[in-house]
Protein backbone atom coordinates (compact mmCIF):
# COMPACT_ATOMS: atom_id res chain seq x y z
CA MET A 1 124.36 87.40 131.27
CA ARG A 2 120.80 86.78 132.36
CA VAL A 3 118.05 87.10 129.74
CA ILE A 4 114.41 87.50 130.74
CA ILE A 5 111.63 87.51 128.15
CA ALA A 6 108.51 89.07 129.61
CA LYS A 7 105.03 88.48 128.25
CA ASP A 8 104.36 92.16 127.48
CA TYR A 9 105.44 95.75 128.15
CA ASP A 10 103.83 95.90 131.59
CA ASP A 11 105.50 92.66 132.62
CA MET A 12 108.87 93.85 131.34
CA SER A 13 108.45 97.11 133.27
CA LYS A 14 107.53 95.28 136.47
CA ILE A 15 110.52 92.94 136.26
CA ALA A 16 112.91 95.82 135.60
CA MET A 17 111.40 97.74 138.52
CA GLN A 18 111.89 94.74 140.78
CA ASN A 19 115.55 94.60 139.78
CA LEU A 20 116.00 98.25 140.77
CA LEU A 21 114.06 97.84 144.00
CA GLY A 22 116.25 94.87 144.86
CA HIS A 23 119.28 97.14 144.87
CA MET A 24 117.44 99.69 146.99
CA PHE A 25 116.23 97.28 149.65
CA LEU A 26 119.18 94.90 149.93
CA LYS A 27 121.81 97.46 150.94
CA LYS A 28 121.80 99.37 154.21
CA ASP A 29 124.49 101.83 153.13
CA ARG A 30 124.49 104.15 150.12
CA VAL A 31 122.96 102.90 146.86
CA ASN A 32 123.90 104.64 143.59
CA LEU A 33 121.64 104.16 140.58
CA SER A 34 121.88 105.64 137.09
CA ILE A 35 118.57 105.63 135.23
CA THR A 36 117.44 106.37 131.71
CA ALA A 37 115.00 108.81 130.17
CA GLY A 38 113.07 108.06 126.99
CA SER A 39 109.86 106.16 126.33
CA THR A 40 110.90 102.62 127.27
CA PRO A 41 111.01 103.13 131.08
CA LEU A 42 107.84 105.22 131.42
CA ARG A 43 105.65 102.40 132.69
CA LEU A 44 108.45 101.26 135.02
CA TYR A 45 108.60 104.72 136.60
CA GLU A 46 104.83 104.88 136.87
CA MET A 47 104.88 101.61 138.80
CA MET A 48 107.85 102.57 140.95
CA ILE A 49 106.51 105.91 142.18
CA ASP A 50 104.33 104.36 144.89
CA GLU A 51 107.14 101.98 145.87
CA VAL A 52 109.56 104.79 146.77
CA LYS A 53 107.41 107.85 147.49
CA GLY A 54 107.59 108.94 151.13
CA LYS A 55 109.82 106.02 152.12
CA ASP A 56 112.27 107.50 154.62
CA TYR A 57 114.24 104.26 154.67
CA LEU A 58 115.21 104.87 151.03
CA LYS A 59 117.10 108.08 151.76
CA ASN A 60 120.27 106.10 151.10
CA VAL A 61 119.35 105.78 147.41
CA HIS A 62 121.04 108.29 145.09
CA TYR A 63 120.26 108.87 141.43
CA TYR A 64 122.47 109.89 138.51
CA ASN A 65 121.59 110.71 134.91
CA PHE A 66 124.09 109.32 132.42
CA ASP A 67 123.66 111.77 129.57
CA GLU A 68 122.28 115.21 128.87
CA ILE A 69 121.24 117.22 125.84
CA PRO A 70 121.27 120.86 126.96
CA HIS A 71 119.45 123.90 125.64
CA LYS A 72 121.62 126.41 123.79
CA VAL A 73 119.43 129.47 124.38
CA LYS A 74 116.85 128.68 127.03
CA LYS A 75 118.00 128.75 130.64
CA GLN A 76 116.53 125.46 131.76
CA GLU A 77 117.58 121.91 132.49
CA GLY A 78 118.36 119.68 129.57
CA VAL A 79 116.17 117.11 127.88
CA THR A 80 117.17 114.14 130.05
CA MET A 81 116.69 115.78 133.44
CA THR A 82 113.45 117.39 132.32
CA ASP A 83 112.07 113.96 131.47
CA LEU A 84 113.35 112.30 134.63
CA ARG A 85 111.85 115.00 136.82
CA GLN A 86 108.51 114.89 135.00
CA TYR A 87 108.06 111.15 134.99
CA PHE A 88 109.81 110.05 138.18
CA TYR A 89 111.71 112.42 140.47
CA THR A 90 108.90 114.95 141.00
CA PRO A 91 105.91 112.60 141.35
CA ALA A 92 107.99 110.26 143.54
CA GLN A 93 109.09 113.26 145.65
CA ILE A 94 112.77 112.32 145.48
CA PRO A 95 114.67 114.85 147.64
CA ALA A 96 117.06 117.14 145.79
CA GLU A 97 120.04 115.91 147.80
CA GLN A 98 119.52 112.42 146.35
CA ILE A 99 119.63 113.63 142.73
CA HIS A 100 123.06 114.19 141.21
CA VAL A 101 122.81 116.06 137.94
CA LEU A 102 125.16 115.51 135.02
CA ASP A 103 125.21 118.40 132.56
CA GLU A 104 127.49 120.30 130.21
CA THR A 105 129.08 122.23 133.10
CA ASN A 106 130.27 119.30 135.21
CA TYR A 107 130.71 116.32 132.89
CA SER A 108 134.49 116.29 133.41
CA THR A 109 133.99 115.45 137.10
CA GLN A 110 131.22 112.86 136.64
CA ASP A 111 133.39 109.76 136.88
CA LYS A 112 135.30 111.00 139.92
CA ARG A 113 132.09 112.02 141.69
CA ILE A 114 130.63 108.57 141.14
CA LYS A 115 133.83 106.83 142.18
CA ASP A 116 134.12 108.93 145.34
CA ALA A 117 130.49 108.04 146.17
CA GLY A 118 131.27 104.33 145.98
CA GLY A 119 130.53 103.62 142.32
CA LEU A 120 127.29 102.77 140.58
CA ASP A 121 125.43 99.79 141.96
CA ALA A 122 123.20 99.55 138.92
CA MET A 123 122.47 101.29 135.65
CA LEU A 124 119.14 101.09 133.81
CA LEU A 125 119.70 101.32 130.05
CA GLY A 126 117.61 101.36 126.91
CA ILE A 127 118.87 100.51 123.44
CA GLY A 128 118.19 102.40 120.23
CA THR A 129 117.23 100.85 116.92
CA ASP A 130 120.71 101.79 115.70
CA GLY A 131 122.38 100.07 118.65
CA HIS A 132 123.12 103.19 120.69
CA TYR A 133 122.87 103.42 124.47
CA CYS A 134 123.19 106.50 126.66
CA GLY A 135 124.58 109.10 124.27
CA ASN A 136 126.92 106.59 122.65
CA LEU A 137 125.68 106.77 119.07
CA PRO A 138 127.47 105.03 116.20
CA GLY A 139 130.56 106.99 115.30
CA THR A 140 130.61 109.18 118.42
CA THR A 141 132.62 107.43 121.15
CA ARG A 142 135.41 104.89 121.50
CA PHE A 143 135.11 101.91 123.81
CA SER A 144 137.91 103.30 126.02
CA GLN A 145 136.24 106.65 126.72
CA TYR A 146 134.75 107.84 129.98
CA THR A 147 132.27 110.74 130.32
CA VAL A 148 132.72 113.08 127.38
CA SER A 149 131.29 116.07 125.55
CA ILE A 150 130.37 115.25 121.96
CA PRO A 151 129.93 117.76 119.09
CA CYS A 152 126.48 117.82 117.56
CA ASP A 153 127.01 117.42 113.84
CA ASP A 154 124.16 117.73 111.33
CA ARG A 155 123.27 114.06 111.79
CA ILE A 156 122.88 114.42 115.54
CA LYS A 157 121.09 117.77 115.30
CA SER A 158 118.51 116.23 112.99
CA ARG A 159 117.87 113.53 115.61
CA ILE A 160 117.44 115.87 118.56
CA LYS A 161 115.64 118.81 116.93
CA LYS A 162 112.29 117.31 118.00
CA PHE A 163 113.14 118.33 121.58
CA TYR A 164 113.38 122.05 120.76
CA GLU A 165 110.91 124.73 119.76
CA THR A 166 113.40 126.54 117.53
CA GLU A 167 116.57 125.48 115.76
CA ASP A 168 118.44 128.27 117.55
CA ASP A 169 118.09 126.31 120.80
CA ILE A 170 119.65 123.11 119.45
CA PRO A 171 123.01 122.75 121.23
CA ASP A 172 126.42 122.42 119.65
CA THR A 173 127.43 119.65 122.07
CA TYR A 174 125.88 117.09 124.40
CA VAL A 175 127.41 115.00 127.18
CA THR A 176 127.31 111.31 127.94
CA MET A 177 128.92 108.69 130.10
CA GLY A 178 131.14 106.76 127.72
CA PRO A 179 131.56 102.99 127.42
CA ALA A 180 134.29 102.81 130.08
CA SER A 181 132.05 104.69 132.53
CA VAL A 182 129.09 102.40 131.87
CA MET A 183 131.12 99.21 132.10
CA ALA A 184 132.33 100.29 135.56
CA ALA A 185 128.80 99.91 137.00
CA ARG A 186 128.37 96.75 139.05
CA HIS A 187 125.08 95.73 137.39
CA LEU A 188 123.62 96.69 134.00
CA ILE A 189 119.89 96.33 133.35
CA LEU A 190 119.12 96.56 129.64
CA ILE A 191 115.46 96.92 128.67
CA ALA A 192 113.76 96.71 125.28
CA ASN A 193 110.15 96.50 124.17
CA GLY A 194 108.11 96.47 121.00
CA THR A 195 108.55 95.05 117.52
CA ARG A 196 110.59 98.08 116.45
CA LYS A 197 113.37 96.83 118.75
CA ALA A 198 113.22 93.24 117.49
CA GLU A 199 115.81 93.68 114.72
CA ILE A 200 118.39 95.40 116.92
CA MET A 201 117.97 92.82 119.68
CA LYS A 202 118.54 90.06 117.13
CA THR A 203 121.64 91.89 115.92
CA TRP A 204 122.81 92.57 119.48
CA PHE A 205 122.75 88.91 120.43
CA LYS A 206 124.30 87.59 117.20
CA THR A 207 126.93 90.17 116.29
CA GLU A 208 130.54 90.31 117.42
CA ILE A 209 131.69 93.32 119.43
CA ASP A 210 131.50 96.12 116.88
CA ILE A 211 132.11 99.83 117.37
CA ASN A 212 129.40 100.49 114.77
CA ILE A 213 126.91 98.84 117.12
CA PRO A 214 127.89 100.68 120.31
CA ALA A 215 125.75 98.58 122.67
CA SER A 216 127.55 95.39 121.59
CA ILE A 217 130.25 96.18 124.17
CA LEU A 218 127.69 95.67 126.94
CA LYS A 219 127.74 91.92 126.27
CA LEU A 220 131.18 91.82 127.88
CA HIS A 221 129.86 93.09 131.21
CA PRO A 222 130.13 90.38 133.89
CA ASN A 223 126.73 91.19 135.40
CA ILE A 224 124.15 92.26 132.82
CA THR A 225 120.43 91.48 132.92
CA VAL A 226 118.55 91.82 129.62
CA ILE A 227 114.78 92.22 129.98
CA MET A 228 112.62 92.21 126.84
CA ASP A 229 108.97 91.77 126.07
CA LYS A 230 107.94 89.08 123.57
CA ASP A 231 107.71 91.60 120.74
CA ALA A 232 111.31 92.75 121.18
CA ALA A 233 112.41 89.10 121.38
CA SER A 234 110.33 87.97 118.42
CA LEU A 235 113.27 87.52 116.01
CA LEU A 236 115.52 85.62 118.40
C-alpha cells in the first residue's frame, strides 16, 4: 500500500490524475480504466479534460463504470453514466467506442467483458462515510461476489431518492461490481477529501477486515494507492 497525503483538495486531485495518466501514457496497447462518479473526483476530471481531449494517441484507453443506479420510469441513462458524461466523457470528447457502459441490462456479462478485454489496469474509487465503495454498501454484498444486481430496500431508496424527481422513478434494483470484481483490478486508486471523511479514513486504517465496513477488504489488494488531502487524514 502506498499512502499519499496531499496538502488540499486540488493537490489530491492532481496527484490522482497523474496516477491515471501514468497508466494511459505508459502502455502502448489497450488500457482499461474504471472510474467513479460522485463529488470527490470532480476537480480531477476538470483537470484531466485538457490532458486527454483530442489526443489521438490515447485511443487505446477504454473506460468502464463500475456501478449504476437506473431510472425505473424515465428512458435515460442511469445516475452514474449521466454524471460521468456530464463531468468528463462529453467535455473531454471521449469517443463512444472507448466507453463501455455497465447497466441493469448487461451486468451479468460485465466481468467476462472486462476479462476478455485484458482486465482492468486501474480503478479510481471513492469511499463513503459508512465505508462503502462502488455500490458495495454495508449489508449488500459478500466479499466473494462479482458484479451483481442488488435490491433497493427502503434504506437504499432513502439514500438515492435525491437523484430522482419523483418517487415513482426510484428503481427496485441497482448494479455494482462486487468485491471480487474490484480486487481483480491491477491497481486501485482510493481517494478521499474533506473533514467529513476523516472518521472513516481513521476507521479504515485501524480496523480489521470487516464486512460491515465494505471498503476494509481493499487493504488486502497488493497494489493500492490511497490519496487523501490533509483534512481527510486529520485523525490519523
